[in-house]
Amino acid sequence: MVLRELVAASSLPIRGGDLSVTVSFGATLATPCDSPDSVLRRADQLLYRSKRTGRNRVSSDLDVSLGQDPSDP
């Protein structure tokens, strides 16, 4: 289970019921041409893409599939 799913499956007991939350992420990798500001700006844009497209999501500019060897076509 991934972090996003673990958070969504959890709840916190509060007075009068339970509090459930979700998380959204923006994921990117730094390149040699990046500055710290450009990496944060890109990750922030991706975070807001996650929020605009339904929340409880991960938006990434990475071109790889999880669990697959990137060198395997």
PDB file of N, CA and C in Angstrom:
ATOM      1  N   MET A   1       0.860  -1.173   0.000  1.00  0.00           N
ATOM      2  CA  MET A   1       0.000   0.000   0.000  1.00  0.00           C
ATOM      3  C   MET A   1       0.907   1.237   0.000  1.00  0.00           C
ATOM      4  N   VAL A   2       0.560   2.248  -0.752  1.00  0.00           N
ATOM      5  CA  VAL A   2       1.365   3.453  -0.823  1.00  0.00           C
ATOM      6  C   VAL A   2       0.919   4.456   0.238  1.00  0.00           C
ATOM      7  N   LEU A   3       1.769   5.412   0.516  1.00  0.00           N
ATOM      8  CA  LEU A   3       1.493   6.401   1.559  1.00  0.00           C
ATOM      9  C   LEU A   3       0.136   7.076   1.364  1.00  0.00           C
ATOM     10  N   ARG A   4      -0.172   7.471   0.153  1.00  0.00           N
ATOM     11  CA  ARG A   4      -1.450   8.149  -0.115  1.00  0.00           C
ATOM     12  C   ARG A   4      -2.624   7.271   0.292  1.00  0.00           C
ATOM     13  N   GLU A   5      -2.557   5.969   0.001  1.00  0.00           N
ATOM     14  CA  GLU A   5      -3.631   5.049   0.359  1.00  0.00           C
ATOM     15  C   GLU A   5      -3.694   4.809   1.861  1.00  0.00           C
ATOM     16  N   LEU A   6      -2.544   4.741   2.512  1.00  0.00           N
ATOM     17  CA  LEU A   6      -2.522   4.571   3.967  1.00  0.00           C
ATOM     18  C   LEU A   6      -3.182   5.743   4.673  1.00  0.00           C
ATOM     19  N   VAL A   7      -2.891   6.956   4.224  1.00  0.00           N
ATOM     20  CA  VAL A   7      -3.501   8.145   4.830  1.00  0.00           C
ATOM     21  C   VAL A   7      -5.013   8.124   4.614  1.00  0.00           C
ATOM     22  N   ALA A   8      -5.445   7.831   3.386  1.00  0.00           N
ATOM     23  CA  ALA A   8      -6.882   7.820   3.077  1.00  0.00           C
ATOM     24  C   ALA A   8      -7.635   6.758   3.868  1.00  0.00           C
ATOM     25  N   ALA A   9      -6.967   5.645   4.191  1.00  0.00           N
ATOM     26  CA  ALA A   9      -7.614   4.561   4.933  1.00  0.00           C
ATOM     27  C   ALA A   9      -7.624   4.803   6.444  1.00  0.00           C
ATOM     28  N   SER A  10      -6.955   5.839   6.901  1.00  0.00           N
ATOM     29  CA  SER A  10      -6.856   6.131   8.332  1.00  0.00           C
ATOM     30  C   SER A  10      -7.891   7.168   8.742  1.00  0.00           C
ATOM     31  N   SER A  11      -8.182   7.188  10.020  1.00  0.00           N
ATOM     32  CA  SER A  11      -9.054   8.239  10.556  1.00  0.00           C
ATOM     33  C   SER A  11      -8.600   8.559  11.974  1.00  0.00           C
ATOM     34  N   LEU A  12      -8.999   9.715  12.417  1.00  0.00           N
ATOM     35  CA  LEU A  12      -8.630  10.189  13.740  1.00  0.00           C
ATOM     36  C   LEU A  12      -9.909  10.432  14.526  1.00  0.00           C
ATOM     37  N   PRO A  13     -10.066   9.752  15.673  1.00  0.00           N
ATOM     38  CA  PRO A  13     -11.296   9.969  16.438  1.00  0.00           C
ATOM     39  C   PRO A  13     -11.315  11.383  17.046  1.00  0.00           C
ATOM     40  N   ILE A  14     -12.398  12.070  16.804  1.00  0.00           N
ATOM     41  CA  ILE A  14     -12.595  13.401  17.389  1.00  0.00           C
ATOM     42  C   ILE A  14     -13.985  13.414  18.025  1.00  0.00           C
ATOM     43  N   ARG A  15     -14.236  14.439  18.800  1.00  0.00           N
ATOM     44  CA  ARG A  15     -15.537  14.558  19.441  1.00  0.00           C
ATOM     45  C   ARG A  15     -16.629  14.605  18.370  1.00  0.00           C
ATOM     46  N   GLY A  16     -17.562  13.677  18.452  1.00  0.00           N
ATOM     47  CA  GLY A  16     -18.675  13.674  17.515  1.00  0.00           C
ATOM     48  C   GLY A  16     -18.440  12.857  16.253  1.00  0.00           C
ATOM     49  N   GLY A  17     -17.341  12.134  16.156  1.00  0.00           N
ATOM     50  CA  GLY A  17     -17.126  11.320  14.956  1.00  0.00           C
ATOM     51  C   GLY A  17     -15.655  11.079  14.672  1.00  0.00           C
ATOM     52  N   ASP A  18     -15.373  10.787  13.437  1.00  0.00           N
ATOM     53  CA  ASP A  18     -14.004  10.544  12.998  1.00  0.00           C
ATOM     54  C   ASP A  18     -13.604  11.576  11.958  1.00  0.00           C
ATOM     55  N   LEU A  19     -12.342  11.944  11.964  1.00  0.00           N
ATOM     56  CA  LEU A  19     -11.785  12.871  10.981  1.00  0.00           C
ATOM     57  C   LEU A  19     -10.965  12.072   9.985  1.00  0.00           C
ATOM     58  N   SER A  20     -11.332  12.155   8.720  1.00  0.00           N
ATOM     59  CA  SER A  20     -10.588  11.491   7.652  1.00  0.00           C
ATOM     60  C   SER A  20      -9.920  12.549   6.786  1.00  0.00           C
ATOM     61  N   VAL A  21      -8.735  12.246   6.321  1.00  0.00           N
ATOM     62  CA  VAL A  21      -8.012  13.183   5.461  1.00  0.00           C
ATOM     63  C   VAL A  21      -7.438  12.420   4.274  1.00  0.00           C
ATOM     64  N   THR A  22      -7.095  13.158   3.236  1.00  0.00           N
ATOM     65  CA  THR A  22      -6.383  12.627   2.087  1.00  0.00           C
ATOM     66  C   THR A  22      -5.188  13.529   1.818  1.00  0.00           C
ATOM     67  N   VAL A  23      -4.267  13.054   0.997  1.00  0.00           N
ATOM     68  CA  VAL A  23      -3.098  13.852   0.647  1.00  0.00           C
ATOM     69  C   VAL A  23      -2.912  13.854  -0.862  1.00  0.00           C
ATOM     70  N   SER A  24      -2.351  14.927  -1.351  1.00  0.00           N
ATOM     71  CA  SER A  24      -1.973  15.045  -2.753  1.00  0.00           C
ATOM     72  C   SER A  24      -0.512  15.435  -2.802  1.00  0.00           C
ATOM     73  N   PHE A  25       0.184  14.961  -3.837  1.00  0.00           N
ATOM     74  CA  PHE A  25       1.607  15.234  -3.991  1.00  0.00           C
ATOM     75  C   PHE A  25       1.912  15.726  -5.392  1.00  0.00           C
ATOM     76  N   GLY A  26       2.978  16.480  -5.497  1.00  0.00           N
ATOM     77  CA  GLY A  26       3.578  16.823  -6.776  1.00  0.00           C
ATOM     78  C   GLY A  26       4.994  16.282  -6.761  1.00  0.00           C
ATOM     79  N   ALA A  27       5.349  15.466  -7.759  1.00  0.00           N
ATOM     80  CA  ALA A  27       6.660  14.809  -7.762  1.00  0.00           C
ATOM     81  C   ALA A  27       7.447  15.175  -9.011  1.00  0.00           C
ATOM     82  N   THR A  28       8.707  15.523  -8.802  1.00  0.00           N
ATOM     83  CA  THR A  28       9.603  15.841  -9.908  1.00  0.00           C
ATOM     84  C   THR A  28      11.027  15.501  -9.499  1.00  0.00           C
ATOM     85  N   LEU A  29      11.913  15.453 -10.449  1.00  0.00           N
ATOM     86  CA  LEU A  29      13.328  15.244 -10.180  1.00  0.00           C
ATOM     87  C   LEU A  29      14.105  16.483 -10.605  1.00  0.00           C
ATOM     88  N   ALA A  30      15.138  16.792  -9.870  1.00  0.00           N
ATOM     89  CA  ALA A  30      16.006  17.917 -10.230  1.00  0.00           C
ATOM     90  C   ALA A  30      16.934  17.495 -11.364  1.00  0.00           C
ATOM     91  N   THR A  31      17.173  18.411 -12.265  1.00  0.00           N
ATOM     92  CA  THR A  31      18.140  18.202 -13.342  1.00  0.00           C
ATOM     93  C   THR A  31      19.354  19.089 -13.072  1.00  0.00           C
ATOM     94  N   PRO A  32      20.452  18.840 -13.755  1.00  0.00           N
ATOM     95  CA  PRO A  32      21.633  19.686 -13.537  1.00  0.00           C
ATOM     96  C   PRO A  32      21.391  21.169 -13.821  1.00  0.00           C
ATOM     97  N   CYS A  33      20.410  21.479 -14.647  1.00  0.00           N
ATOM     98  CA  CYS A  33      20.111  22.878 -15.000  1.00  0.00           C
ATOM     99  C   CYS A  33      19.187  23.556 -13.987  1.00  0.00           C
ATOM    100  N   ASP A  34      18.623  22.808 -13.054  1.00  0.00           N
ATOM    101  CA  ASP A  34      17.660  23.346 -12.096  1.00  0.00           C
ATOM    102  C   ASP A  34      18.328  24.108 -10.967  1.00  0.00           C
ATOM    103  N   SER A  35      17.595  25.064 -10.458  1.00  0.00           N
ATOM    104  CA  SER A  35      17.937  25.714  -9.195  1.00  0.00           C
ATOM    105  C   SER A  35      16.969  25.156  -8.150  1.00  0.00           C
ATOM    106  N   PRO A  36      17.260  25.350  -6.872  1.00  0.00           N
ATOM    107  CA  PRO A  36      16.279  24.911  -5.867  1.00  0.00           C
ATOM    108  C   PRO A  36      14.902  25.534  -6.110  1.00  0.00           C
ATOM    109  N   ASP A  37      14.876  26.803  -6.495  1.00  0.00           N
ATOM    110  CA  ASP A  37      13.588  27.463  -6.749  1.00  0.00           C
ATOM    111  C   ASP A  37      12.838  26.836  -7.916  1.00  0.00           C
ATOM    112  N   SER A  38      13.527  26.462  -8.989  1.00  0.00           N
ATOM    113  CA  SER A  38      12.831  25.891 -10.142  1.00  0.00           C
ATOM    114  C   SER A  38      12.262  24.505  -9.816  1.00  0.00           C
ATOM    115  N   VAL A  39      12.980  23.717  -9.013  1.00  0.00           N
ATOM    116  CA  VAL A  39      12.466  22.403  -8.610  1.00  0.00           C
ATOM    117  C   VAL A  39      11.224  22.574  -7.738  1.00  0.00           C
ATOM    118  N   LEU A  40      11.290  23.475  -6.765  1.00  0.00           N
ATOM    119  CA  LEU A  40      10.125  23.705  -5.894  1.00  0.00           C
ATOM    120  C   LEU A  40       8.945  24.265  -6.673  1.00  0.00           C
ATOM    121  N   ARG A  41       9.203  25.153  -7.617  1.00  0.00           N
ATOM    122  CA  ARG A  41       8.123  25.727  -8.425  1.00  0.00           C
ATOM    123  C   ARG A  41       7.434  24.630  -9.242  1.00  0.00           C
ATOM    124  N   ARG A  42       8.218  23.744  -9.847  1.00  0.00           N
ATOM    125  CA  ARG A  42       7.658  22.650 -10.639  1.00  0.00           C
ATOM    126  C   ARG A  42       6.864  21.689  -9.749  1.00  0.00           C
ATOM    127  N   ALA A  43       7.402  21.323  -8.605  1.00  0.00           N
ATOM    128  CA  ALA A  43       6.683  20.432  -7.684  1.00  0.00           C
ATOM    129  C   ALA A  43       5.388  21.084  -7.201  1.00  0.00           C
ATOM    130  N   ASP A  44       5.424  22.374  -6.949  1.00  0.00           N
ATOM    131  CA  ASP A  44       4.228  23.101  -6.517  1.00  0.00           C
ATOM    132  C   ASP A  44       3.163  23.102  -7.619  1.00  0.00           C
ATOM    133  N   GLN A  45       3.579  23.324  -8.860  1.00  0.00           N
ATOM    134  CA  GLN A  45       2.628  23.280  -9.975  1.00  0.00           C
ATOM    135  C   GLN A  45       1.993  21.897 -10.096  1.00  0.00           C
ATOM    136  N   LEU A  46       2.796  20.862  -9.901  1.00  0.00           N
ATOM    137  CA  LEU A  46       2.269  19.498  -9.966  1.00  0.00           C
ATOM    138  C   LEU A  46       1.332  19.196  -8.801  1.00  0.00           C
ATOM    139  N   LEU A  47       1.634  19.729  -7.620  1.00  0.00           N
ATOM    140  CA  LEU A  47       0.734  19.578  -6.476  1.00  0.00           C
ATOM    141  C   LEU A  47      -0.629  20.179  -6.792  1.00  0.00           C
ATOM    142  N   TYR A  48      -0.643  21.385  -7.351  1.00  0.00           N
ATOM    143  CA  TYR A  48      -1.919  22.020  -7.670  1.00  0.00           C
ATOM    144  C   TYR A  48      -2.641  21.307  -8.801  1.00  0.00           C
ATOM    145  N   ARG A  49      -1.905  20.644  -9.704  1.00  0.00           N
ATOM    146  CA  ARG A  49      -2.548  19.811 -10.719  1.00  0.00           C
ATOM    147  C   ARG A  49      -3.296  18.669 -10.026  1.00  0.00           C
ATOM    148  N   SER A  50      -2.677  18.058  -9.028  1.00  0.00           N
ATOM    149  CA  SER A  50      -3.342  16.985  -8.273  1.00  0.00           C
ATOM    150  C   SER A  50      -4.622  17.486  -7.629  1.00  0.00           C
ATOM    151  N   LYS A  51      -4.574  18.654  -7.051  1.00  0.00           N
ATOM    152  CA  LYS A  51      -5.760  19.206  -6.392  1.00  0.00           C
ATOM    153  C   LYS A  51      -6.858  19.535  -7.398  1.00  0.00           C
ATOM    154  N   ARG A  52      -6.480  20.086  -8.553  1.00  0.00           N
ATOM    155  CA  ARG A  52      -7.472  20.446  -9.580  1.00  0.00           C
ATOM    156  C   ARG A  52      -8.141  19.216 -10.186  1.00  0.00           C
ATOM    157  N   THR A  53      -7.420  18.103 -10.244  1.00  0.00           N
ATOM    158  CA  THR A  53      -7.954  16.922 -10.925  1.00  0.00           C
ATOM    159  C   THR A  53      -8.592  15.923  -9.971  1.00  0.00           C
ATOM    160  N   GLY A  54      -8.917  16.335  -8.768  1.00  0.00           N
ATOM    161  CA  GLY A  54      -9.704  15.488  -7.894  1.00  0.00           C
ATOM    162  C   GLY A  54      -9.146  15.226  -6.523  1.00  0.00           C
ATOM    163  N   ARG A  55      -7.991  15.732  -6.208  1.00  0.00           N
ATOM    164  CA  ARG A  55      -7.366  15.522  -4.903  1.00  0.00           C
ATOM    165  C   ARG A  55      -7.064  14.058  -4.644  1.00  0.00           C
ATOM    166  N   ASN A  56      -6.355  13.778  -3.551  1.00  0.00           N
ATOM    167  CA  ASN A  56      -5.936  12.424  -3.196  1.00  0.00           C
ATOM    168  C   ASN A  56      -5.221  11.755  -4.368  1.00  0.00           C
ATOM    169  N   ARG A  57      -4.287  12.503  -4.973  1.00  0.00           N
ATOM    170  CA  ARG A  57      -3.578  12.036  -6.154  1.00  0.00           C
ATOM    171  C   ARG A  57      -2.103  12.387  -6.072  1.00  0.00           C
ATOM    172  N   VAL A  58      -1.347  11.762  -6.958  1.00  0.00           N
ATOM    173  CA  VAL A  58       0.058  12.112  -7.159  1.00  0.00           C
ATOM    174  C   VAL A  58       0.199  12.542  -8.608  1.00  0.00           C
ATOM    175  N   SER A  59       0.686  13.751  -8.823  1.00  0.00           N
ATOM    176  CA  SER A  59       0.985  14.224 -10.170  1.00  0.00           C
ATOM    177  C   SER A  59       2.490  14.300 -10.315  1.00  0.00           C
ATOM    178  N   SER A  60       2.972  13.829 -11.450  1.00  0.00           N
ATOM    179  CA  SER A  60       4.408  13.750 -11.666  1.00  0.00           C
ATOM    180  C   SER A  60       4.739  14.121 -13.102  1.00  0.00           C
ATOM    181  N   ASP A  61       5.936  14.644 -13.300  1.00  0.00           N
ATOM    182  CA  ASP A  61       6.423  14.875 -14.656  1.00  0.00           C
ATOM    183  C   ASP A  61       7.440  13.817 -15.045  1.00  0.00           C
ATOM    184  N   LEU A  62       7.508  12.739 -14.256  1.00  0.00           N
ATOM    185  CA  LEU A  62       8.441  11.648 -14.515  1.00  0.00           C
ATOM    186  C   LEU A  62       7.868  10.728 -15.580  1.00  0.00           C
ATOM    187  N   ASP A  63       8.709  10.270 -16.467  1.00  0.00           N
ATOM    188  CA  ASP A  63       8.267   9.419 -17.569  1.00  0.00           C
ATOM    189  C   ASP A  63       8.708   7.977 -17.337  1.00  0.00           C
ATOM    190  N   VAL A  64       8.297   7.435 -16.180  1.00  0.00           N
ATOM    191  CA  VAL A  64       8.596   6.040 -15.864  1.00  0.00           C
ATOM    192  C   VAL A  64       7.365   5.407 -15.245  1.00  0.00           C
ATOM    193  N   SER A  65       7.216   4.116 -15.447  1.00  0.00           N
ATOM    194  CA  SER A  65       6.132   3.365 -14.824  1.00  0.00           C
ATOM    195  C   SER A  65       6.659   2.701 -13.575  1.00  0.00           C
ATOM    196  N   LEU A  66       5.925   2.775 -12.491  1.00  0.00           N
ATOM    197  CA  LEU A  66       6.343   2.139 -11.246  1.00  0.00           C
ATOM    198  C   LEU A  66       6.412   0.640 -11.432  1.00  0.00           C
ATOM    199  N   GLY A  67       7.467   0.047 -10.906  1.00  0.00           N
ATOM    200  CA  GLY A  67       7.610  -1.393 -10.966  1.00  0.00           C
ATOM    201  C   GLY A  67       8.143  -1.907 -12.284  1.00  0.00           C
ATOM    202  N   GLN A  68       8.493  -1.024 -13.200  1.00  0.00           N
ATOM    203  CA  GLN A  68       9.011  -1.445 -14.482  1.00  0.00           C
ATOM    204  C   GLN A  68      10.409  -0.900 -14.676  1.00  0.00           C
ATOM    205  N   ASP A  69      11.295  -1.709 -15.181  1.00  0.00           N
ATOM    206  CA  ASP A  69      12.665  -1.292 -15.429  1.00  0.00           C
ATOM    207  C   ASP A  69      12.668  -0.273 -16.570  1.00  0.00           C
ATOM    208  N   PRO A  70      13.102   0.987 -16.328  1.00  0.00           N
ATOM    209  CA  PRO A  70      13.074   2.007 -17.379  1.00  0.00           C
ATOM    210  C   PRO A  70      13.912   1.641 -18.593  1.00  0.00           C
ATOM    211  N   SER A  71      14.860   0.732 -18.453  1.00  0.00           N
ATOM    212  CA  SER A  71      15.691   0.349 -19.593  1.00  0.00           C
ATOM    213  C   SER A  71      15.018  -0.738 -20.434  1.00  0.00           C
ATOM    214  N   ASP A  72      13.912  -1.284 -19.923  1.00  0.00           N
ATOM    215  CA  ASP A  72      13.180  -2.335 -20.643  1.00  0.00           C
ATOM    216  C   ASP A  72      12.074  -1.697 -21.480  1.00  0.00           C
ATOM    217  N   PRO A  73      12.207  -1.705 -22.827  1.00  0.00           N
ATOM    218  CA  PRO A  73      11.202  -1.019 -23.672  1.00  0.00           C
ATOM    219  C   PRO A  73       9.859  -1.594 -23.621  1.00  0.00           C
TER     220      PRO A  73
END
